[in-house]
Amino acid sequence: SDLIRWGMTDVEFSIRLWLLGYELLVVPNIEVEHLFRSKHPYPVEWSAVLHNKLRTAALHFNRDRFARVVDSLKTYAQFADAAAELFTRCFEQRRISLYTRRVRDDDWFFSNVAQNIGF
């Protein structure tokens, strides 16, 4: 999926599975333990997190929804760097590949899944 370092991996993968027609179940009573650290063992730049959000939206959402994501993120100081990174990573071929294989569209996702998982 060409995400950078940290953030959105589980979200992008989940959306991809749902749109490709797979079932992905959200089981709220499952407990997962995480090892929380006071500091990441590697640097995490906010521009990378923004890039991952933009890339996920660019890959899976229609143009109007993508524009809304852009509008919600554009006030961050690192937005320009994140957007530039998006376009240097050639997401359009990946988007076309996913669109031609998917069974459901993002309207289905937002009608059937998003509100149930707090998206």
Protein backbone atom coordinates (compact mmCIF):
# COMPACT_ATOMS: atom_id res chain seq x y z
CA SER A 1 0.00 0.00 0.00
CA ASP A 2 3.08 2.25 0.12
CA LEU A 3 2.27 3.79 3.48
CA ILE A 4 5.11 5.47 5.33
CA ARG A 5 6.48 4.16 8.58
CA TRP A 6 3.63 4.60 11.05
CA GLY A 7 -0.13 5.14 11.08
CA MET A 8 -3.19 4.02 9.10
CA THR A 9 -1.90 0.55 8.17
CA ASP A 10 -4.77 -1.29 9.86
CA VAL A 11 -7.33 1.21 8.57
CA GLU A 12 -6.12 1.02 4.95
CA PHE A 13 -5.96 -2.78 5.04
CA SER A 14 -9.44 -3.05 6.55
CA ILE A 15 -11.03 -0.73 3.99
CA ARG A 16 -9.26 -2.61 1.19
CA LEU A 17 -10.60 -5.96 2.42
CA TRP A 18 -14.18 -4.70 2.72
CA LEU A 19 -14.13 -3.10 -0.74
CA LEU A 20 -12.63 -6.19 -2.36
CA GLY A 21 -15.57 -8.20 -1.02
CA TYR A 22 -13.96 -9.91 1.95
CA GLU A 23 -15.56 -10.03 5.35
CA LEU A 24 -13.70 -8.37 8.13
CA LEU A 25 -15.37 -8.60 11.47
CA VAL A 26 -15.10 -6.05 14.22
CA VAL A 27 -15.34 -7.87 17.52
CA PRO A 28 -15.53 -5.28 20.29
CA ASN A 29 -15.11 -7.70 23.20
CA ILE A 30 -11.69 -8.91 22.04
CA GLU A 31 -8.85 -7.55 24.12
CA VAL A 32 -5.50 -6.77 22.56
CA GLU A 33 -2.49 -5.85 24.62
CA HIS A 34 -0.03 -3.28 23.40
CA LEU A 35 3.40 -2.43 24.60
CA PHE A 36 3.35 1.29 25.11
CA ARG A 37 6.64 3.11 25.13
CA SER A 38 7.39 6.57 26.36
CA LYS A 39 9.21 7.19 23.07
CA HIS A 40 9.03 5.60 19.61
CA PRO A 41 12.15 3.60 18.70
CA TYR A 42 12.20 5.52 15.40
CA PRO A 43 11.23 9.04 14.43
CA VAL A 44 7.58 9.62 13.53
CA GLU A 45 7.00 12.75 11.50
CA TRP A 46 3.50 14.20 11.37
CA SER A 47 3.91 14.66 7.61
CA ALA A 48 4.18 10.85 7.27
CA VAL A 49 0.98 10.33 9.27
CA LEU A 50 -0.79 12.92 7.10
CA HIS A 51 0.56 11.22 3.97
CA ASN A 52 -0.85 7.89 5.12
CA LYS A 53 -4.27 9.44 5.70
CA LEU A 54 -4.20 11.10 2.27
CA ARG A 55 -3.01 7.92 0.55
CA THR A 56 -5.73 5.81 2.16
CA ALA A 57 -8.39 8.29 1.03
CA ALA A 58 -6.84 8.63 -2.45
CA LEU A 59 -6.79 4.86 -2.95
CA HIS A 60 -10.26 4.03 -1.74
CA PHE A 61 -12.58 7.03 -1.77
CA ASN A 62 -14.33 8.79 -4.61
CA ARG A 63 -13.15 12.26 -5.58
CA ASP A 64 -15.70 14.11 -3.42
CA ARG A 65 -14.76 12.16 -0.31
CA PHE A 66 -11.06 12.55 -1.07
CA ALA A 67 -11.62 16.32 -1.38
CA ARG A 68 -13.28 16.33 2.05
CA VAL A 69 -10.28 14.52 3.56
CA VAL A 70 -7.94 17.06 1.93
CA ASP A 71 -10.09 19.89 3.26
CA SER A 72 -9.96 18.47 6.80
CA LEU A 73 -6.15 18.07 6.76
CA LYS A 74 -4.99 21.10 4.76
CA THR A 75 -4.58 23.39 7.78
CA TYR A 76 -1.71 21.34 9.21
CA ALA A 77 1.71 22.92 8.67
CA GLN A 78 3.07 19.63 7.29
CA PHE A 79 0.25 19.19 4.77
CA ALA A 80 2.25 20.41 1.77
CA ASP A 81 5.02 17.89 2.47
CA ALA A 82 2.50 15.09 2.93
CA ALA A 83 0.67 15.93 -0.30
CA ALA A 84 3.94 16.18 -2.23
CA GLU A 85 4.94 12.73 -0.94
CA LEU A 86 1.59 11.34 -2.07
CA PHE A 87 2.19 12.43 -5.65
CA THR A 88 5.80 11.22 -5.76
CA ARG A 89 4.67 7.69 -4.90
CA CYS A 90 2.46 7.15 -7.98
CA PHE A 91 -0.73 6.17 -6.21
CA GLU A 92 -2.83 6.40 -9.39
CA GLN A 93 -1.77 2.98 -10.75
CA ARG A 94 -2.51 1.37 -7.40
CA ARG A 95 -5.88 3.13 -7.29
CA ILE A 96 -6.82 1.85 -10.74
CA SER A 97 -5.75 -1.68 -9.81
CA LEU A 98 -7.90 -1.63 -6.67
CA TYR A 99 -10.89 -0.02 -8.42
CA THR A 100 -10.95 -2.66 -11.15
CA ARG A 101 -10.94 -5.51 -8.62
CA ARG A 102 -13.25 -4.20 -5.96
CA VAL A 103 -16.70 -5.63 -5.42
CA ARG A 104 -18.04 -2.77 -3.32
CA ASP A 105 -17.60 0.98 -3.59
CA ASP A 106 -16.95 3.55 -0.92
CA ASP A 107 -20.66 4.44 -0.80
CA TRP A 108 -21.22 0.86 0.40
CA PHE A 109 -18.42 1.24 2.94
CA PHE A 110 -19.84 4.45 4.40
CA SER A 111 -23.40 3.08 4.44
CA ASN A 112 -22.60 -0.32 5.93
CA VAL A 113 -19.36 -0.13 7.88
CA ALA A 114 -18.03 3.33 8.69
CA GLN A 115 -20.68 4.45 11.15
CA ASN A 116 -20.45 1.13 13.02
CA ILE A 117 -16.74 1.53 13.67
CA GLY A 118 -16.73 5.25 14.42
CA PHE A 119 -15.12 6.25 11.15
